[in-house]
Amino acid sequence: MRPVGFTAIACLVTLVAACKSSAPAKQADDAREVKSYVFKHEGIVRDVGIFDPRKASEASIRPLVVVLHGGLGADDDTVTLSFGKLNALAADDDFLVAYPSGIGGHWNDGRNVGAYVAQRERVNDVGFLVKLVEELVEKRRVDPRAVFFVGVSDGAMMTHRFACERTGTLRAFAAVIGSMPYNVARRRSRCGREPISALIINGTEDPIVPWDGGAVQFEDEKLGRVIPVERTFGFWTRHNGCKDVAVSMIPDFVPEDGTRIERRKALECRAGTKVELFVVQGAGHTWPSGWQYLPKNMVGPTSRDIDAAVAAWRFFQSTL
C-alpha cells in the first residue's frame, strides 16, 4: 500500500518542502551504522541493510530480528519511521538486525495486486527470506532458535504470510498496522503446524488497512483484501491452541494523543507460545511512538502510549 514507503511517499504528496524540514533525522549514531550489501536469490539481486552492534568477532550466538518495510519502502525506511529504536535496542541487548528490501518497494504477501511487480511476477519472497535467514545464521553468529520478524504495513502482511508458511523458521513475530491477507487466511492448509508466538498491533481508525477487514485502500486505489484484525488474532490463537483471552488496558501515558490501548493476551497456548493483540483505539496507519510521516487527515494519528519497537523486542525476549 502506498503511504508506508514513508520517506518516498511523504515527499510526493505536495509536501516536498515540509518533508525536507520535518523528516526525522537519525536519532542516534546506532541508526547511522546500518550497512548495505547485496544478496542474490533466484537470479534477483536484493538489497539488505544490516545493523550489527558487535565491533569484533565474538563466539556467542545471538538473536536475529528481520524487519520488513512498508509499501514503496526500502531497507532504511523503518529505521527512519521508528527513529532508529530497534538499532538502539540491538546495541543494548546484543542482537542482529536485518532490513531486506522488497522488489519495486513491495512484497509478494499474497494479495495479488497486479500493480505491484513483486505480486504480479509472483516473486518468491518467502524463499528469499528463508535463504537470507540461513545465511545470517551461518555467517553472523545467529541463534537459529531465536529468529524474529517485525513487519510494518505491507511488511506486516508479508510477515503473516511467512509465519504461516514457514512457522518452523521463526520463534515469534510482530505485525504492525497490517492484517492477514484474505488469500493467505483462506489457504490455511499451507501453514505449518508448529506453534509460533505472535504480537499484533493495529489502529482502530486505520484508513488504509481497515480494522474490520475488506479492501486495503489508499485514496481511490484498492490494493487487495485482508481479513479483520480480530479474525487475524483469532487465526493465531487457534493455530496455537490457546484456551482463553485476558483483556486489560494499558495506562494512558499520553492523554493528549487521543488514543488508548487495549491489550488482549491469549492464555494457555501450545508449547508455551504467546499471542497478543494491542488494540490501538483511535490510532491510524501509524507506528506507535514513530514518525507522523503524513498528516493525520490522511493516515490518522500516532499513539504515544507505547513504542512499537520496544513492545516487539520485549515480546520477543519473553519467548526466549
Protein backbone atom coordinates (compact mmCIF):
# COMPACT_ATOMS: atom_id res chain seq x y z
CA MET A 1 0.00 0.00 0.00
CA ARG A 2 1.24 3.39 -0.98
CA PRO A 3 1.78 5.64 2.00
CA VAL A 4 4.06 3.45 4.00
CA GLY A 5 7.13 3.82 1.84
CA PHE A 6 7.30 6.63 4.34
CA THR A 7 10.14 8.80 3.11
CA ALA A 8 9.42 8.36 -0.59
CA ILE A 9 5.67 8.91 -0.50
CA ALA A 10 5.58 11.67 2.06
CA CYS A 11 7.74 13.79 -0.22
CA LEU A 12 5.40 13.23 -3.15
CA VAL A 13 2.09 14.33 -1.69
CA THR A 14 2.52 18.08 -2.20
CA LEU A 15 4.64 18.12 0.93
CA VAL A 16 8.11 18.45 -0.57
CA ALA A 17 9.21 21.48 1.36
CA ALA A 18 7.66 20.31 4.60
CA CYS A 19 9.14 16.85 4.17
CA LYS A 20 12.64 18.22 3.86
CA SER A 21 12.26 20.07 7.12
CA SER A 22 10.18 17.58 9.10
CA ALA A 23 11.53 14.15 8.13
CA PRO A 24 13.19 12.86 11.27
CA ALA A 25 16.95 12.74 11.43
CA LYS A 26 18.52 9.51 12.56
CA GLN A 27 18.28 9.80 16.32
CA ALA A 28 21.46 8.08 17.38
CA ASP A 29 24.82 7.00 16.00
CA ASP A 30 23.49 3.43 16.11
CA ALA A 31 20.87 4.21 13.45
CA ARG A 32 23.55 5.57 11.07
CA GLU A 33 25.55 2.35 11.16
CA VAL A 34 23.24 0.26 9.00
CA LYS A 35 25.45 -1.18 6.28
CA SER A 36 24.08 -2.35 2.97
CA TYR A 37 25.03 -5.41 0.99
CA VAL A 38 23.52 -7.30 -1.91
CA PHE A 39 22.01 -10.76 -1.72
CA LYS A 40 21.20 -12.72 -4.86
CA HIS A 41 18.27 -15.13 -4.85
CA GLU A 42 16.83 -16.92 -7.87
CA GLY A 43 18.68 -14.56 -10.17
CA ILE A 44 17.38 -11.39 -8.50
CA VAL A 45 19.76 -9.07 -6.70
CA ARG A 46 18.26 -7.78 -3.45
CA ASP A 47 19.45 -5.01 -1.15
CA VAL A 48 19.77 -5.86 2.53
CA GLY A 49 20.69 -3.46 5.31
CA ILE A 50 22.45 -4.89 8.36
CA PHE A 51 22.89 -3.38 11.78
CA ASP A 52 25.46 -5.34 13.77
CA PRO A 53 26.31 -3.79 17.14
CA ARG A 54 29.36 -6.00 17.59
CA LYS A 55 32.67 -4.35 16.88
CA ALA A 56 34.68 -7.57 16.77
CA SER A 57 34.10 -11.26 16.25
CA GLU A 58 32.55 -12.94 19.27
CA ALA A 59 31.92 -16.61 19.84
CA SER A 60 28.46 -16.40 21.40
CA ILE A 61 25.36 -16.70 19.27
CA ARG A 62 22.68 -14.02 19.44
CA PRO A 63 19.10 -13.35 18.25
CA LEU A 64 18.18 -12.02 14.82
CA VAL A 65 15.40 -9.53 14.10
CA VAL A 66 14.41 -9.21 10.42
CA VAL A 67 12.46 -6.03 9.66
CA LEU A 68 10.14 -5.87 6.64
CA HIS A 69 9.35 -2.37 5.37
CA GLY A 70 6.04 -0.96 4.19
CA GLY A 71 4.83 -0.30 0.65
CA LEU A 72 7.15 1.60 -1.72
CA GLY A 73 9.74 1.34 1.01
CA ALA A 74 13.40 0.43 1.16
CA ASP A 75 15.69 -1.15 3.72
CA ASP A 76 16.20 2.05 5.73
CA ASP A 77 12.62 3.32 5.84
CA THR A 78 11.71 1.52 9.06
CA VAL A 79 14.82 2.95 10.71
CA THR A 80 13.50 6.42 9.87
CA LEU A 81 9.95 5.58 10.87
CA SER A 82 10.95 4.21 14.29
CA PHE A 83 13.68 6.80 14.98
CA GLY A 84 16.28 4.01 14.94
CA LYS A 85 14.84 2.45 18.09
CA LEU A 86 15.38 -1.20 17.09
CA ASN A 87 19.04 -0.48 16.43
CA ALA A 88 19.41 1.19 19.81
CA LEU A 89 17.82 -1.86 21.45
CA ALA A 90 20.14 -4.15 19.46
CA ALA A 91 23.15 -2.21 20.73
CA ASP A 92 21.92 -2.56 24.30
CA ASP A 93 20.94 -6.23 24.16
CA ASP A 94 23.29 -7.66 21.51
CA PHE A 95 21.11 -8.83 18.66
CA LEU A 96 21.50 -8.54 14.90
CA VAL A 97 19.00 -6.54 12.80
CA ALA A 98 18.44 -7.13 9.08
CA TYR A 99 16.47 -4.82 6.77
CA PRO A 100 15.81 -6.57 3.44
CA SER A 101 14.16 -4.74 0.55
CA GLY A 102 11.20 -5.94 -1.48
CA ILE A 103 11.07 -5.80 -5.28
CA GLY A 104 9.80 -2.45 -6.53
CA GLY A 105 9.18 -1.41 -2.94
CA HIS A 106 6.70 -4.22 -2.28
CA TRP A 107 6.46 -7.81 -1.05
CA ASN A 108 4.62 -10.75 -2.56
CA ASP A 109 2.40 -11.01 0.50
CA GLY A 110 -0.42 -12.93 -1.21
CA ARG A 111 -2.85 -10.11 -2.06
CA ASN A 112 -2.30 -10.49 -5.84
CA VAL A 113 -2.16 -6.77 -6.57
CA GLY A 114 -1.39 -6.52 -10.29
CA ALA A 115 0.16 -3.06 -9.97
CA TYR A 116 2.95 -4.45 -7.77
CA VAL A 117 5.78 -6.16 -9.66
CA ALA A 118 6.54 -8.46 -6.74
CA GLN A 119 2.97 -9.78 -6.75
CA ARG A 120 2.34 -9.68 -10.50
CA GLU A 121 5.53 -11.66 -11.18
CA ARG A 122 4.99 -13.92 -8.17
CA VAL A 123 8.40 -13.19 -6.74
CA ASN A 124 9.44 -15.87 -4.27
CA ASP A 125 9.79 -13.62 -1.23
CA VAL A 126 9.19 -16.50 1.18
CA GLY A 127 12.12 -18.40 -0.34
CA PHE A 128 14.29 -15.28 -0.36
CA LEU A 129 13.69 -14.60 3.32
CA VAL A 130 14.36 -18.24 4.23
CA LYS A 131 17.72 -18.14 2.44
CA LEU A 132 18.59 -14.78 3.98
CA VAL A 133 17.95 -16.14 7.47
CA GLU A 134 20.01 -19.24 6.71
CA GLU A 135 22.95 -17.14 5.54
CA LEU A 136 22.82 -14.89 8.58
CA VAL A 137 22.67 -17.92 10.88
CA GLU A 138 25.73 -19.34 9.16
CA LYS A 139 27.84 -16.21 8.83
CA ARG A 140 26.74 -13.81 11.58
CA ARG A 141 26.62 -15.96 14.71
CA VAL A 142 22.81 -16.02 14.84
CA ASP A 143 20.95 -18.47 17.06
CA PRO A 144 18.56 -20.37 14.73
CA ARG A 145 16.18 -20.80 17.69
CA ALA A 146 15.93 -17.02 18.17
CA VAL A 147 14.87 -15.65 14.78
CA PHE A 148 12.16 -12.97 14.83
CA PHE A 149 10.34 -10.89 12.21
CA VAL A 150 8.93 -7.37 12.56
CA GLY A 151 6.73 -6.20 9.69
CA VAL A 152 5.01 -2.86 9.15
CA SER A 153 2.04 -2.36 6.80
CA ASP A 154 2.86 -4.34 3.60
CA GLY A 155 5.72 -5.85 5.58
CA ALA A 156 3.27 -6.93 8.28
CA MET A 157 1.16 -8.72 5.66
CA MET A 158 4.30 -10.40 4.34
CA THR A 159 5.18 -11.36 7.90
CA HIS A 160 1.79 -13.04 8.35
CA ARG A 161 2.32 -14.98 5.12
CA PHE A 162 5.85 -16.02 6.05
CA ALA A 163 4.87 -17.02 9.57
CA CYS A 164 2.02 -19.11 8.17
CA GLU A 165 4.07 -20.94 5.54
CA ARG A 166 7.36 -21.19 7.47
CA THR A 167 6.31 -21.46 11.09
CA GLY A 168 9.37 -23.55 11.90
CA THR A 169 11.76 -20.76 10.85
CA LEU A 170 10.59 -18.20 13.41
CA ARG A 171 10.29 -18.18 17.16
CA ALA A 172 7.95 -15.18 17.09
CA PHE A 173 6.86 -12.22 15.00
CA ALA A 174 5.33 -8.78 15.39
CA ALA A 175 2.94 -7.42 12.74
CA VAL A 176 2.28 -3.67 12.95
CA ILE A 177 -0.60 -1.96 11.05
CA GLY A 178 -1.08 -4.83 8.61
CA SER A 179 -3.72 -7.55 8.88
CA MET A 180 -3.57 -11.03 7.33
CA PRO A 181 -4.23 -11.10 3.57
CA TYR A 182 -7.50 -12.81 2.72
CA ASN A 183 -5.80 -15.21 0.31
CA VAL A 184 -3.35 -16.33 2.99
CA ALA A 185 -6.11 -16.95 5.55
CA ARG A 186 -8.27 -18.99 3.18
CA ARG A 187 -5.34 -21.22 2.28
CA ARG A 188 -4.50 -22.07 5.85
CA SER A 189 -3.78 -25.66 4.80
CA ARG A 190 -0.47 -24.29 3.51
CA CYS A 191 0.51 -23.25 7.03
CA GLY A 192 2.97 -25.23 9.05
CA ARG A 193 1.79 -26.91 12.21
CA GLU A 194 4.46 -25.71 14.60
CA PRO A 195 3.23 -23.20 17.20
CA ILE A 196 4.64 -19.69 16.90
CA SER A 197 4.33 -16.62 19.12
CA ALA A 198 2.63 -13.59 17.58
CA LEU A 199 2.23 -9.91 18.50
CA ILE A 200 -0.29 -7.87 16.51
CA ILE A 201 -0.52 -4.07 16.73
CA ASN A 202 -3.25 -2.23 14.80
CA GLY A 203 -5.08 1.09 14.97
CA THR A 204 -8.87 1.00 15.06
CA GLU A 205 -9.12 4.13 12.87
CA ASP A 206 -6.71 2.98 10.17
CA PRO A 207 -8.00 4.46 6.87
CA ILE A 208 -5.79 2.18 4.74
CA VAL A 209 -5.84 -1.27 6.36
CA PRO A 210 -9.39 -1.38 7.76
CA TRP A 211 -9.84 -2.77 11.25
CA ASP A 212 -12.94 -4.65 10.08
CA GLY A 213 -11.20 -6.12 7.05
CA GLY A 214 -12.04 -5.83 3.37
CA ALA A 215 -10.28 -3.78 0.72
CA VAL A 216 -6.94 -2.19 1.51
CA GLN A 217 -7.27 1.27 0.02
CA PHE A 218 -5.29 4.46 -0.44
CA GLU A 219 -7.23 7.32 -1.97
CA ASP A 220 -9.31 5.62 -4.69
CA GLU A 221 -6.99 2.69 -5.33
CA LYS A 222 -7.93 -0.72 -3.96
CA LEU A 223 -4.96 -2.90 -3.11
CA GLY A 224 -6.19 -6.39 -2.32
CA ARG A 225 -8.13 -7.68 0.67
CA VAL A 226 -7.40 -8.51 4.28
CA ILE A 227 -9.37 -10.25 6.98
CA PRO A 228 -10.46 -8.27 10.08
CA VAL A 229 -7.82 -7.66 12.71
CA GLU A 230 -9.82 -9.58 15.31
CA ARG A 231 -10.03 -12.57 12.94
CA THR A 232 -6.27 -12.34 12.41
CA PHE A 233 -5.79 -12.53 16.18
CA GLY A 234 -8.22 -15.48 16.25
CA PHE A 235 -6.31 -17.19 13.44
CA TRP A 236 -3.13 -17.30 15.52
CA THR A 237 -4.84 -18.17 18.80
CA ARG A 238 -6.48 -21.16 17.08
CA HIS A 239 -3.21 -22.11 15.42
CA ASN A 240 -1.53 -22.20 18.82
CA GLY A 241 -4.41 -23.95 20.56
CA CYS A 242 -4.88 -21.16 23.09
CA LYS A 243 -7.66 -21.70 25.64
CA ASP A 244 -8.80 -18.21 26.64
CA VAL A 245 -8.08 -14.50 26.31
CA ALA A 246 -7.42 -11.93 29.04
CA VAL A 247 -8.21 -8.26 28.37
CA SER A 248 -6.67 -5.23 30.07
CA MET A 249 -6.00 -1.55 29.37
CA ILE A 250 -2.53 -0.08 29.11
CA PRO A 251 -2.20 3.17 31.14
CA ASP A 252 -2.94 6.30 29.14
CA PHE A 253 0.56 7.73 29.39
CA VAL A 254 -0.06 10.48 26.80
CA PRO A 255 -3.72 11.57 27.04
CA GLU A 256 -3.23 14.37 24.53
CA ASP A 257 -2.59 11.94 21.65
CA GLY A 258 -6.27 10.91 21.72
CA THR A 259 -5.58 7.16 21.81
CA ARG A 260 -5.94 4.32 24.31
CA ILE A 261 -4.53 0.81 24.06
CA GLU A 262 -6.40 -2.35 24.94
CA ARG A 263 -4.23 -5.43 25.37
CA ARG A 264 -5.64 -8.87 24.57
CA LYS A 265 -3.47 -11.73 25.75
CA ALA A 266 -4.17 -15.35 24.83
CA LEU A 267 -3.81 -17.90 27.63
CA GLU A 268 -2.61 -21.49 27.84
CA CYS A 269 -1.23 -21.69 24.33
CA ARG A 270 0.54 -24.72 22.93
CA ALA A 271 4.21 -25.24 23.79
CA GLY A 272 4.27 -22.09 25.92
CA THR A 273 3.75 -19.81 22.93
CA LYS A 274 2.14 -16.39 23.23
CA VAL A 275 -0.37 -14.46 21.14
CA GLU A 276 -1.13 -10.82 21.94
CA LEU A 277 -3.12 -8.06 20.27
CA PHE A 278 -2.67 -4.37 21.02
CA VAL A 279 -5.90 -2.63 20.01
CA VAL A 280 -4.74 0.96 19.49
CA GLN A 281 -8.04 2.77 19.91
CA GLY A 282 -8.23 5.97 17.89
CA ALA A 283 -4.93 5.47 16.06
CA GLY A 284 -4.46 5.27 12.31
CA HIS A 285 -1.99 3.77 9.88
CA THR A 286 0.93 4.76 12.06
CA TRP A 287 3.77 3.20 14.04
CA PRO A 288 3.19 3.77 17.78
CA SER A 289 5.71 6.37 19.01
CA GLY A 290 7.06 6.70 15.47
CA TRP A 291 7.21 9.48 12.93
CA GLN A 292 3.90 11.08 11.90
CA TYR A 293 5.02 10.71 8.27
CA LEU A 294 1.83 12.13 6.70
CA PRO A 295 -0.88 14.43 8.09
CA LYS A 296 -3.48 12.97 10.44
CA ASN A 297 -6.26 13.62 7.93
CA MET A 298 -4.53 11.21 5.54
CA VAL A 299 -3.27 8.38 7.76
CA GLY A 300 -4.71 9.06 11.21
CA PRO A 301 -2.97 9.93 14.48
CA THR A 302 0.02 8.27 16.11
CA SER A 303 -0.27 6.77 19.58
CA ARG A 304 2.46 7.65 22.08
CA ASP A 305 1.37 5.26 24.83
CA ILE A 306 3.73 2.51 23.68
CA ASP A 307 6.73 2.30 21.40
CA ALA A 308 6.15 -0.43 18.80
CA ALA A 309 9.86 -1.25 18.58
CA VAL A 310 10.19 -1.67 22.34
CA ALA A 311 6.93 -3.65 22.53
CA ALA A 312 8.12 -6.02 19.79
CA TRP A 313 11.55 -6.65 21.30
CA ARG A 314 10.23 -7.12 24.85
CA PHE A 315 7.66 -9.56 23.47
CA PHE A 316 10.41 -11.48 21.69
CA GLN A 317 12.52 -11.56 24.85
CA SER A 318 9.58 -13.04 26.75
CA THR A 319 9.56 -16.03 24.38
CA LEU A 320 13.21 -16.96 24.91
